[in-house]
């Protein structure tokens, strides 16, 4: 934002002071209306009835940059006027429109107009545990094309309606929440896939963009599963779900998403394993073919075919409401003495991380 006056060394001074043009003073009541042109260049227009400076509108060649506090600066490379600052600082609230373009709604700060919406035509190209990356394409006054990347910092969470949110932390501990409106699913590598639709200039049909969020799953409770992106910063999706149901390919959960919930099924792909020393394991593939084991407990008994019927518990012994049947072949790898011990018991107990007790 043009937040002050420019001295001979091209420094920017805070907007609490009056600004100068030649020998005339621009009154504090003067406001600047910001816009973005079709080439992603910043336009500003001076307005205000009490201003003694004639109205003018200027297009600035430059690029947007978002700092570690998620504040935005437009770095000016060239403009139509000779008395413009090298940097235009803006403050406001971030959001995404339906096509996932970055939108900054300006707040009441300096001489910017509160509620003024700036939409940067951009493409969400990557998502990390603490970053969203957008590609911005612009053209300068000489019709040269420039492509650059801007990044928003924050952490992922699921809200009370199981919707995905990206929480942006700003100065003074202020947190803003962007609710993601696209679709999502879990692939066979148990990776979180987020998709959205984007219009393409000159085409009627939209294209689908897909972003992969790298993480792993935890079975946290009877009605909770968590997709962990970064546990240290609390970047994770903690979903409220139905009781898990064993399926041919792993575990299935029902989840309701939205204020008026729409139901969908999440499948955590994996295989059951049993260890007499560790307990019950649910082994799930994740990124790059790696395997992550969820260590569980439970209690149960052998059936007539010497398979093991179990009611599953989590690490702290809470009943997960999941009934699984482990085939005889899984148990046979534990050794004959172990099998004989199981056969002699009416009921067995498995403690997560400890193994079998009877």
Protein backbone atom coordinates (compact mmCIF):
# COMPACT_ATOMS: atom_id res chain seq x y z
CA UNK A 1 0.00 0.00 0.00
CA UNK A 2 1.14 3.60 -0.58
CA UNK A 3 1.21 4.18 3.15
CA UNK A 4 3.08 7.45 3.41
CA UNK A 5 5.27 9.98 1.63
CA UNK A 6 8.45 9.32 -0.29
CA UNK A 7 11.60 11.32 0.47
CA UNK A 8 14.52 11.90 -1.86
CA UNK A 9 16.05 8.56 -0.90
CA UNK A 10 12.79 6.75 -1.80
CA UNK A 11 11.94 5.68 1.74
CA UNK A 12 8.38 5.00 2.84
CA UNK A 13 7.06 6.66 5.96
CA UNK A 14 4.13 5.50 8.07
CA UNK A 15 0.64 6.55 7.01
CA UNK A 16 0.04 8.37 10.30
CA UNK A 17 1.79 11.35 8.71
CA UNK A 18 0.45 13.57 5.97
CA UNK A 19 1.88 12.80 2.53
CA UNK A 20 3.37 15.28 0.07
CA UNK A 21 3.15 15.98 -3.64
CA UNK A 22 5.50 18.76 -4.63
CA UNK A 23 4.88 21.54 -2.12
CA UNK A 24 1.29 20.53 -1.43
CA UNK A 25 0.05 18.44 1.46
CA UNK A 26 -2.25 15.47 0.85
CA UNK A 27 -4.76 15.43 3.69
CA UNK A 28 -5.15 12.40 5.93
CA UNK A 29 -8.75 12.06 4.80
CA UNK A 30 -7.61 11.03 1.33
CA UNK A 31 -8.09 7.33 0.66
CA UNK A 32 -6.57 5.05 -1.95
CA UNK A 33 -8.74 2.55 -3.76
CA UNK A 34 -6.81 -0.53 -4.87
CA UNK A 35 -7.67 -2.83 -7.75
CA UNK A 36 -5.97 -5.59 -9.72
CA UNK A 37 -6.01 -5.41 -13.50
CA UNK A 38 -6.41 -8.43 -15.86
CA UNK A 39 -2.63 -8.88 -15.88
CA UNK A 40 -2.34 -9.16 -12.07
CA UNK A 41 -0.87 -5.66 -11.75
CA UNK A 42 -1.84 -3.41 -8.88
CA UNK A 43 -3.88 -0.28 -9.67
CA UNK A 44 -4.41 2.50 -7.19
CA UNK A 45 -6.75 5.40 -7.37
CA UNK A 46 -6.64 8.38 -5.05
CA UNK A 47 -10.04 9.44 -3.80
CA UNK A 48 -11.54 11.71 -1.14
CA UNK A 49 -13.54 14.90 -1.49
CA UNK A 50 -11.37 16.82 0.95
CA UNK A 51 -8.14 16.11 -0.86
CA UNK A 52 -6.45 19.03 -2.61
CA UNK A 53 -4.57 16.66 -4.92
CA UNK A 54 -6.24 16.03 -8.30
CA UNK A 55 -7.72 12.56 -8.83
CA UNK A 56 -5.53 10.11 -10.63
CA UNK A 57 -5.34 6.38 -11.35
CA UNK A 58 -2.07 4.54 -11.81
CA UNK A 59 -1.03 1.03 -12.91
CA UNK A 60 2.05 -0.44 -11.25
CA UNK A 61 4.27 -3.11 -12.76
CA UNK A 62 5.47 -5.38 -9.99
CA UNK A 63 5.02 -8.54 -7.94
CA UNK A 64 3.20 -9.52 -4.76
CA UNK A 65 5.13 -10.99 -1.84
CA UNK A 66 3.78 -12.53 1.38
CA UNK A 67 6.05 -12.39 4.43
CA UNK A 68 6.35 -14.70 7.46
CA UNK A 69 3.43 -12.88 9.14
CA UNK A 70 1.26 -13.40 6.04
CA UNK A 71 1.26 -9.66 5.31
CA UNK A 72 1.44 -8.69 1.67
CA UNK A 73 3.71 -6.21 -0.09
CA UNK A 74 3.55 -5.24 -3.74
CA UNK A 75 7.08 -4.57 -4.99
CA UNK A 76 6.93 -1.92 -7.69
CA UNK A 77 9.20 -2.28 -10.71
CA UNK A 78 7.65 0.37 -12.94
CA UNK A 79 4.65 2.69 -12.86
CA UNK A 80 2.89 5.30 -14.95
CA UNK A 81 3.68 7.96 -12.36
CA UNK A 82 7.00 9.33 -11.17
CA UNK A 83 6.14 9.83 -7.50
CA UNK A 84 5.18 6.32 -6.39
CA UNK A 85 6.77 4.27 -3.60
CA UNK A 86 8.97 1.25 -4.24
CA UNK A 87 6.75 -0.89 -2.03
CA UNK A 88 3.00 -0.87 -1.47
CA UNK A 89 2.01 -2.51 1.81
CA UNK A 90 -1.48 -3.92 2.30
CA UNK A 91 -3.30 -5.38 5.28
CA UNK A 92 -6.43 -7.49 5.33
CA UNK A 93 -7.95 -10.94 5.57
CA UNK A 94 -7.02 -13.79 3.24
CA UNK A 95 -9.52 -16.11 1.57
CA UNK A 96 -9.94 -18.16 -1.60
CA UNK A 97 -12.69 -17.74 -4.17
CA UNK A 98 -14.52 -20.65 -5.83
CA UNK A 99 -11.63 -21.21 -8.23
CA UNK A 100 -9.01 -20.99 -5.50
CA UNK A 101 -7.68 -17.59 -6.49
CA UNK A 102 -6.10 -15.65 -3.64
CA UNK A 103 -8.39 -12.91 -2.30
CA UNK A 104 -7.32 -10.16 0.11
CA UNK A 105 -10.14 -8.19 1.74
CA UNK A 106 -8.60 -4.98 3.05
CA UNK A 107 -9.25 -3.87 6.60
CA UNK A 108 -9.28 -0.41 8.18
CA UNK A 109 -5.59 0.44 8.15
CA UNK A 110 -3.68 3.46 6.89
CA UNK A 111 -5.35 5.09 3.89
CA UNK A 112 -6.64 1.89 2.31
CA UNK A 113 -10.42 1.45 2.00
CA UNK A 114 -11.85 -1.19 4.34
CA UNK A 115 -13.77 -3.92 2.51
CA UNK A 116 -11.90 -3.30 -0.74
CA UNK A 117 -11.42 -6.82 -2.28
CA UNK A 118 -8.32 -7.68 -4.28
CA UNK A 119 -8.47 -10.93 -6.25
CA UNK A 120 -5.13 -12.21 -7.54
CA UNK A 121 -5.61 -14.62 -10.45
CA UNK A 122 -3.53 -17.52 -9.17
CA UNK A 123 -3.23 -21.29 -9.12
CA UNK A 124 -2.85 -23.41 -6.01
CA UNK A 125 0.07 -25.64 -7.00
CA UNK A 126 1.30 -27.20 -3.76
CA UNK A 127 0.37 -27.78 -0.13
CA UNK A 128 2.69 -28.69 2.74
CA UNK A 129 2.03 -29.14 6.45
CA UNK A 130 2.64 -25.40 6.98
CA UNK A 131 2.43 -23.76 3.53
CA UNK A 132 0.12 -23.14 0.59
CA UNK A 133 1.94 -22.23 -2.64
CA UNK A 134 0.32 -20.28 -5.48
CA UNK A 135 1.62 -19.54 -8.97
CA UNK A 136 0.88 -16.01 -10.20
CA UNK A 137 1.18 -15.01 -13.86
CA UNK A 138 1.46 -11.32 -14.75
CA UNK A 139 2.33 -9.08 -17.69
CA UNK A 140 4.23 -5.83 -17.54
CA UNK A 141 3.71 -2.64 -19.51
CA UNK A 142 5.94 -4.01 -22.28
CA UNK A 143 3.76 -7.14 -22.58
CA UNK A 144 6.40 -9.44 -21.06
CA UNK A 145 5.02 -12.42 -19.11
CA UNK A 146 6.27 -13.13 -15.57
CA UNK A 147 5.45 -16.18 -13.42
CA UNK A 148 6.29 -16.21 -9.72
CA UNK A 149 5.30 -18.03 -6.53
CA UNK A 150 3.67 -16.64 -3.38
CA UNK A 151 3.20 -18.65 -0.19
CA UNK A 152 0.78 -18.47 2.73
CA UNK A 153 1.99 -19.90 6.05
CA UNK A 154 -0.21 -21.71 8.56
CA UNK A 155 -1.41 -25.14 9.67
CA UNK A 156 -4.14 -27.55 8.65
CA UNK A 157 -7.10 -28.55 10.78
CA UNK A 158 -10.61 -29.94 10.45
CA UNK A 159 -13.42 -27.79 11.83
CA UNK A 160 -16.46 -28.95 13.80
CA UNK A 161 -18.18 -29.93 10.52
CA UNK A 162 -15.25 -32.06 9.29
CA UNK A 163 -14.38 -29.40 6.70
CA UNK A 164 -10.75 -28.81 5.81
CA UNK A 165 -9.35 -25.49 7.01
CA UNK A 166 -6.00 -23.78 6.64
CA UNK A 167 -5.36 -21.60 9.68
CA UNK A 168 -3.21 -18.55 9.01
CA UNK A 169 -1.31 -17.07 11.92
CA UNK A 170 -0.60 -13.35 11.70
CA UNK A 171 0.90 -10.65 13.87
CA UNK A 172 -0.16 -10.29 17.53
CA UNK A 173 -1.42 -13.90 17.66
CA UNK A 174 -4.34 -13.29 15.29
CA UNK A 175 -5.51 -16.43 13.44
CA UNK A 176 -7.52 -16.41 10.22
CA UNK A 177 -9.26 -19.49 8.87
CA UNK A 178 -9.57 -20.38 5.19
CA UNK A 179 -12.21 -23.06 4.64
CA UNK A 180 -11.33 -25.24 1.67
CA UNK A 181 -14.31 -25.86 -0.62
CA UNK A 182 -12.82 -28.50 -2.91
CA UNK A 183 -13.30 -32.28 -2.79
CA UNK A 184 -10.97 -34.79 -1.15
CA UNK A 185 -10.34 -38.51 -1.02
CA UNK A 186 -7.82 -41.04 0.28
CA UNK A 187 -5.82 -43.00 -2.30
CA UNK A 188 -4.49 -46.56 -1.97
CA UNK A 189 -1.25 -45.24 -0.49
CA UNK A 190 -3.37 -43.66 2.26
CA UNK A 191 -2.40 -40.20 1.00
CA UNK A 192 -4.79 -37.29 1.26
CA UNK A 193 -5.79 -35.99 -2.19
CA UNK A 194 -7.41 -32.54 -2.47
CA UNK A 195 -9.01 -31.52 -5.79
CA UNK A 196 -10.57 -28.34 -7.15
CA UNK A 197 -11.81 -27.04 -10.49
CA UNK A 198 -10.21 -24.21 -12.42
CA UNK A 199 -11.37 -22.27 -15.46
CA UNK A 200 -9.03 -21.96 -18.41
CA UNK A 201 -9.05 -18.86 -20.59
CA UNK A 202 -10.81 -19.49 -23.90
CA UNK A 203 -12.30 -22.85 -22.85
CA UNK A 204 -15.80 -23.69 -21.66
CA UNK A 205 -14.87 -26.75 -19.64
CA UNK A 206 -12.98 -26.46 -16.37
CA UNK A 207 -9.94 -28.55 -15.54
CA UNK A 208 -9.39 -30.46 -12.30
CA UNK A 209 -6.32 -29.74 -10.19
CA UNK A 210 -5.10 -32.20 -7.55
CA UNK A 211 -2.87 -31.51 -4.55
CA UNK A 212 -1.39 -34.29 -2.39
CA UNK A 213 -0.98 -33.69 1.33
CA UNK A 214 1.76 -35.91 2.77
CA UNK A 215 1.09 -37.43 6.18
CA UNK A 216 -0.02 -40.58 8.01
CA UNK A 217 -3.14 -41.88 9.77
CA UNK A 218 -3.79 -42.54 13.45
CA UNK A 219 -6.75 -44.47 14.84
CA UNK A 220 -7.35 -42.24 17.84
CA UNK A 221 -10.67 -43.46 19.25
CA UNK A 222 -13.97 -45.15 18.57
CA UNK A 223 -15.19 -42.14 16.60
CA UNK A 224 -11.90 -40.38 15.74
CA UNK A 225 -9.28 -40.85 13.08
CA UNK A 226 -6.49 -38.33 12.53
CA UNK A 227 -4.45 -37.53 9.44
CA UNK A 228 -1.19 -36.14 10.84
CA UNK A 229 0.81 -33.71 8.72
CA UNK A 230 3.03 -32.21 11.42
CA UNK A 231 2.34 -33.15 15.03
CA UNK A 232 4.76 -30.55 16.44
CA UNK A 233 2.75 -27.60 15.10
CA UNK A 234 -0.66 -29.28 15.39
CA UNK A 235 -1.14 -29.52 11.62
CA UNK A 236 -3.59 -32.41 11.27
CA UNK A 237 -7.15 -33.38 10.35
CA UNK A 238 -8.95 -34.74 13.42
CA UNK A 239 -12.12 -36.24 11.92
CA UNK A 240 -15.30 -37.35 13.72
CA UNK A 241 -16.39 -40.62 12.11
CA UNK A 242 -18.54 -43.71 12.53
CA UNK A 243 -17.21 -46.91 14.12
CA UNK A 244 -14.65 -48.53 11.85
CA UNK A 245 -15.71 -51.54 9.82
CA UNK A 246 -13.20 -54.14 8.58
CA UNK A 247 -13.22 -54.46 4.81
CA UNK A 248 -11.38 -56.60 2.29
CA UNK A 249 -8.80 -53.84 1.75
CA UNK A 250 -8.53 -52.41 5.26
CA UNK A 251 -10.85 -50.34 7.48
CA UNK A 252 -13.86 -48.34 6.34
CA UNK A 253 -15.32 -45.29 8.09
CA UNK A 254 -18.38 -43.18 7.37
CA UNK A 255 -17.97 -39.43 7.71
CA UNK A 256 -20.38 -36.49 7.43
CA UNK A 257 -18.94 -33.29 5.92
CA UNK A 258 -20.52 -29.83 6.03
CA UNK A 259 -23.13 -27.92 8.03
CA UNK A 260 -25.80 -29.99 6.26
CA UNK A 261 -23.64 -33.11 6.24
CA UNK A 262 -23.05 -35.06 3.06
CA UNK A 263 -21.88 -38.59 3.79
CA UNK A 264 -18.80 -40.19 2.34
CA UNK A 265 -16.70 -43.28 3.00
CA UNK A 266 -13.03 -43.19 3.97
CA UNK A 267 -11.03 -46.37 3.50
CA UNK A 268 -7.75 -46.76 5.35
CA UNK A 269 -5.92 -49.30 3.23
CA UNK A 270 -3.82 -51.87 5.06
CA UNK A 271 -3.36 -55.39 6.44
CA UNK A 272 -3.73 -56.91 9.88
CA UNK A 273 -0.72 -58.56 11.48
CA UNK A 274 -0.22 -60.11 14.90
CA UNK A 275 2.88 -60.28 17.08
CA UNK A 276 3.05 -62.14 20.38
CA UNK A 277 5.55 -59.53 21.65
CA UNK A 278 4.02 -56.30 20.29
CA UNK A 279 0.31 -57.05 19.88
CA UNK A 280 -2.10 -56.39 17.04
CA UNK A 281 -0.75 -54.37 14.11
CA UNK A 282 -2.57 -52.61 11.31
CA UNK A 283 0.06 -51.98 8.66
CA UNK A 284 -0.72 -49.12 6.27
CA UNK A 285 1.27 -48.07 3.21
CA UNK A 286 2.00 -44.37 2.85
CA UNK A 287 4.29 -42.13 0.79
CA UNK A 288 6.89 -43.74 -1.46
CA UNK A 289 5.88 -47.29 -0.55
CA UNK A 290 6.77 -47.00 3.14
CA UNK A 291 4.78 -48.95 5.73
CA UNK A 292 3.50 -47.48 8.99
CA UNK A 293 2.21 -49.81 11.71
CA UNK A 294 -0.56 -48.77 14.06
CA UNK A 295 -0.07 -50.76 17.28
CA UNK A 296 -3.34 -51.86 18.86
CA UNK A 297 -4.67 -54.11 21.58
CA UNK A 298 -7.82 -56.11 22.14
CA UNK A 299 -9.40 -59.19 23.60
CA UNK A 300 -10.94 -62.30 22.07
CA UNK A 301 -10.78 -66.03 21.52
CA UNK A 302 -9.98 -68.71 18.98
CA UNK A 303 -12.86 -69.87 16.78
CA UNK A 304 -13.53 -73.46 15.79
CA UNK A 305 -11.07 -73.16 12.90
CA UNK A 306 -8.38 -71.81 15.24
CA UNK A 307 -8.62 -68.31 13.81
CA UNK A 308 -8.59 -65.41 16.28
CA UNK A 309 -11.72 -63.29 16.77
CA UNK A 310 -10.83 -59.95 18.36
CA UNK A 311 -12.53 -56.80 19.65
CA UNK A 312 -9.94 -54.07 18.99
CA UNK A 313 -8.71 -51.51 21.53
CA UNK A 314 -6.47 -48.48 21.07
CA UNK A 315 -3.13 -47.82 22.81
CA UNK A 316 -4.76 -46.78 26.08
CA UNK A 317 -7.20 -49.67 26.18
CA UNK A 318 -10.34 -47.92 24.89
CA UNK A 319 -12.78 -50.09 22.97
CA UNK A 320 -12.78 -49.06 19.27
CA UNK A 321 -15.92 -51.07 18.46
CA UNK A 322 -14.04 -52.92 15.69
CA UNK A 323 -14.35 -56.69 15.42
CA UNK A 324 -11.71 -58.43 13.31
CA UNK A 325 -11.05 -62.04 12.43
CA UNK A 326 -7.44 -63.06 12.00
CA UNK A 327 -6.87 -66.16 9.93
CA UNK A 328 -4.99 -69.19 11.18
CA UNK A 329 -2.19 -68.46 8.71
CA UNK A 330 -1.42 -65.15 10.44
CA UNK A 331 -1.06 -66.88 13.79
CA UNK A 332 1.06 -69.77 12.55
CA UNK A 333 4.00 -67.45 11.94
CA UNK A 334 4.24 -66.90 15.70
CA UNK A 335 5.56 -70.38 16.52
CA UNK A 336 3.96 -73.66 17.56
CA UNK A 337 4.33 -73.01 21.28
CA UNK A 338 2.40 -69.79 20.89
CA UNK A 339 -0.40 -71.52 18.98
CA UNK A 340 -0.62 -74.30 21.56
CA UNK A 341 -0.89 -71.70 24.32
CA UNK A 342 -3.71 -69.94 22.50
CA UNK A 343 -5.57 -73.20 21.92
CA UNK A 344 -5.47 -74.02 25.62
CA UNK A 345 -7.19 -70.76 26.56
CA UNK A 346 -10.85 -69.82 26.30
CA UNK A 347 -10.03 -66.12 26.02
CA UNK A 348 -6.93 -64.02 25.30
CA UNK A 349 -5.99 -60.40 25.88
CA UNK A 350 -3.64 -58.26 23.77
CA UNK A 351 -2.02 -55.19 25.27
CA UNK A 352 -0.79 -52.65 22.70
CA UNK A 353 3.00 -52.63 22.68
CA UNK A 354 3.23 -55.55 25.14
CA UNK A 355 1.63 -58.47 23.33
CA UNK A 356 -0.56 -61.37 24.40
CA UNK A 357 -1.70 -62.12 27.91
CA UNK A 358 -3.85 -64.99 29.12
